[in-house]
Protein backbone atom coordinates (compact mmCIF):
# COMPACT_ATOMS: atom_id res chain seq x y z
CA MET A 1 -54.21 44.31 -7.51
CA THR A 2 -51.52 42.65 -9.63
CA GLN A 3 -49.57 39.59 -8.60
CA GLN A 4 -45.82 39.83 -8.66
CA LYS A 5 -43.36 36.97 -8.46
CA TYR A 6 -40.69 37.59 -5.86
CA ARG A 7 -37.18 36.88 -7.07
CA ARG A 8 -34.26 36.64 -4.70
CA THR A 9 -31.29 38.82 -5.65
CA PHE A 10 -28.85 37.90 -2.88
CA GLY A 11 -26.84 34.82 -1.95
CA PRO A 12 -26.04 31.82 -4.16
CA GLN A 13 -28.63 31.14 -6.85
CA GLU A 14 -29.77 27.56 -7.38
CA ALA A 15 -30.01 26.19 -10.89
CA ASN A 16 -33.60 25.67 -11.94
CA ASN A 17 -33.02 23.71 -15.13
CA ALA A 18 -35.50 21.33 -16.65
CA PRO A 19 -34.66 17.63 -16.26
CA THR A 20 -32.65 16.29 -19.16
CA VAL A 21 -32.09 12.88 -20.64
CA SER A 22 -28.64 12.79 -19.02
CA ALA A 23 -30.34 12.15 -15.66
CA LEU A 24 -31.68 8.79 -16.90
CA PRO A 25 -29.79 5.60 -16.03
CA ARG A 26 -27.21 4.65 -18.63
CA CYS A 27 -26.11 1.24 -19.86
CA GLN A 28 -22.78 0.22 -18.35
CA GLN A 29 -21.69 -1.34 -21.66
CA CYS A 30 -22.81 0.98 -24.49
CA GLY A 31 -23.56 4.14 -22.45
CA ARG A 32 -26.93 4.90 -24.08
CA PRO A 33 -29.47 6.43 -21.67
CA GLY A 34 -33.02 5.30 -21.02
CA GLY A 35 -32.82 1.75 -22.32
CA LEU A 36 -32.64 -0.37 -19.16
CA ILE A 37 -35.37 -2.93 -18.53
CA SER A 38 -35.99 -5.66 -15.99
CA ARG A 39 -36.46 -8.92 -17.87
CA ALA A 40 -37.84 -11.98 -16.14
CA VAL A 41 -35.75 -15.16 -15.96
CA MET A 42 -38.19 -18.07 -16.05
CA LEU A 43 -38.18 -21.77 -15.35
CA ASN A 44 -40.28 -24.30 -17.25
CA TYR A 45 -40.27 -27.08 -14.68
CA ALA A 46 -43.36 -29.11 -15.60
CA SER A 47 -45.12 -29.80 -18.87
CA THR A 48 -48.52 -28.92 -17.38
CA ALA A 49 -47.40 -25.83 -15.46
CA GLY A 50 -46.72 -22.48 -17.02
CA PHE A 51 -43.45 -20.63 -16.84
CA TYR A 52 -42.34 -19.76 -13.31
CA THR A 53 -40.60 -16.40 -12.79
CA VAL A 54 -37.50 -17.02 -10.66
CA CYS A 55 -35.86 -13.60 -10.76
CA TYR A 56 -35.31 -10.53 -12.89
CA ARG A 57 -32.27 -9.33 -14.81
CA ASN A 58 -31.36 -5.73 -15.58
CA GLN A 59 -30.68 -5.61 -19.30
CA CYS A 60 -30.00 -2.91 -21.90
CA VAL A 61 -32.53 -2.75 -24.73
CA TYR A 62 -29.95 -1.56 -27.25
CA CYS A 63 -27.02 -3.95 -26.70
CA SER A 64 -28.72 -6.55 -24.39
CA ALA A 65 -25.83 -6.43 -21.93
CA THR A 66 -26.45 -7.48 -18.35
CA GLN A 67 -25.97 -4.62 -15.89
CA TYR A 68 -23.95 -4.95 -12.67
CA PHE A 69 -24.19 -3.82 -9.06
CA ASN A 70 -20.99 -2.41 -7.59
CA ARG A 71 -20.34 -3.75 -4.09
CA THR A 72 -17.51 -3.54 -1.58
CA ASN A 73 -16.34 -6.43 0.54
CA LYS A 74 -15.27 -6.25 4.19
CA ASP A 75 -11.72 -5.26 3.12
CA GLY A 76 -13.01 -2.29 1.13
CA GLN A 77 -12.25 -3.91 -2.25
CA LEU A 78 -14.71 -3.08 -5.04
CA TYR A 79 -16.28 -6.00 -6.93
CA THR A 80 -19.20 -6.36 -9.33
CA VAL A 81 -22.26 -8.59 -9.08
CA PRO A 82 -24.54 -9.27 -12.07
CA ALA A 83 -27.87 -7.46 -11.61
CA PHE A 84 -30.13 -10.43 -10.89
CA TYR A 85 -32.71 -9.74 -8.21
CA VAL A 86 -36.25 -10.30 -6.97
CA PHE A 87 -38.59 -7.56 -5.90
CA ALA A 88 -39.26 -7.58 -2.15
CA TYR A 89 -42.88 -6.55 -2.06
CA PRO A 90 -43.26 -5.82 1.68
CA SER A 91 -40.07 -3.79 2.02
CA GLN A 92 -40.04 -2.16 -1.45
CA ARG A 93 -36.35 -2.88 -2.02
CA ILE A 94 -34.33 -5.22 -4.20
CA ILE A 95 -33.20 -8.54 -2.70
CA THR A 96 -29.94 -10.00 -3.99
CA GLU A 97 -29.47 -13.01 -1.65
CA ARG A 98 -29.85 -16.28 -3.55
CA ARG A 99 -31.86 -17.97 -0.80
CA ASN A 100 -34.64 -15.36 -1.23
CA PHE A 101 -35.06 -15.91 -4.97
CA LEU A 102 -38.37 -17.43 -6.06
CA LEU A 103 -38.43 -21.15 -6.79
CA PRO A 104 -41.24 -23.73 -6.62
CA ARG A 105 -40.97 -25.34 -3.19
CA GLU A 106 -41.41 -28.89 -4.53
CA LEU A 107 -38.06 -28.60 -6.32
CA TYR A 108 -36.00 -28.20 -3.14
CA GLU A 109 -38.24 -29.81 -0.52
CA THR A 110 -37.04 -32.90 1.33
CA ALA A 111 -39.13 -36.02 1.96
CA GLU A 112 -39.98 -34.74 5.47
CA GLY A 113 -41.44 -31.54 4.02
CA LYS A 114 -38.53 -29.30 5.05
CA ALA A 115 -36.81 -26.88 2.72
CA ASP A 116 -33.24 -27.66 1.63
CA VAL A 117 -31.94 -24.11 1.25
CA GLY A 118 -28.50 -25.29 0.09
CA LEU A 119 -30.09 -27.16 -2.82
CA LYS A 120 -32.16 -24.09 -3.64
CA VAL A 121 -29.06 -21.86 -3.75
CA ARG A 122 -27.16 -24.33 -5.98
CA PHE A 123 -30.20 -24.52 -8.27
CA ILE A 124 -30.45 -20.71 -8.49
CA ASP A 125 -26.70 -20.39 -9.14
CA ALA A 126 -26.92 -22.92 -11.99
CA LEU A 127 -29.86 -21.04 -13.50
CA LEU A 128 -27.98 -17.73 -13.32
CA ARG A 129 -24.87 -19.28 -14.92
CA LEU A 130 -27.07 -20.49 -17.78
CA GLN A 131 -28.57 -17.02 -18.14
CA LEU A 132 -25.14 -15.36 -18.28
CA ALA A 133 -23.91 -17.90 -20.82
CA ARG A 134 -26.98 -17.55 -23.05
CA GLU A 135 -28.15 -13.96 -22.63
CA SER A 136 -30.68 -14.03 -25.47
CA GLU A 137 -32.71 -16.79 -23.78
CA TYR A 138 -34.85 -16.21 -20.72
CA VAL A 139 -36.79 -19.48 -20.28
CA PHE A 140 -34.90 -22.58 -19.12
CA THR A 141 -36.08 -26.12 -18.55
CA LEU A 142 -35.56 -28.15 -15.42
CA LYS A 143 -33.36 -30.57 -17.38
CA GLU A 144 -31.02 -27.77 -18.54
CA VAL A 145 -30.62 -26.41 -15.03
CA TRP A 146 -30.05 -29.89 -13.58
CA GLU A 147 -27.32 -30.61 -16.16
CA GLU A 148 -25.65 -27.30 -15.32
CA MET A 149 -25.72 -28.23 -11.63
CA GLN A 150 -24.04 -31.56 -12.44
CA ASN A 151 -21.39 -29.87 -14.63
CA ALA A 152 -20.48 -27.39 -11.89
CA ARG A 153 -19.34 -30.12 -9.52
């Protein structure tokens, strides 16, 4: 007995093409496909501690441009947000809220042991401004971030 492959000859035919490189994500700046990476943005906050990964940044390997998320506000207006995020391990999705970014608790903890979330958000915003200003660097010191916080006021 020979095996035959049944082929449909009626109705609309679906394309059965092999996947191409055009299906890969493209850089929003240079347009080259397949060169997007997630690069860690790190904080060097103590001389004895190692580098602390605060968040990740989507970056193009070819032109090192930061990628952007397209969002809409409540009025339906389109705006862009730089692609800084942390991985949400339990939910398997990307978190973009600043209060959920990773930061050593001792940097934003009050004397009573409570977390000052406002201070944490200002700290994260200062770090992200530094990263956007100096895209080739990815490790920042506590002093640099603190000075950026003071300059933003």
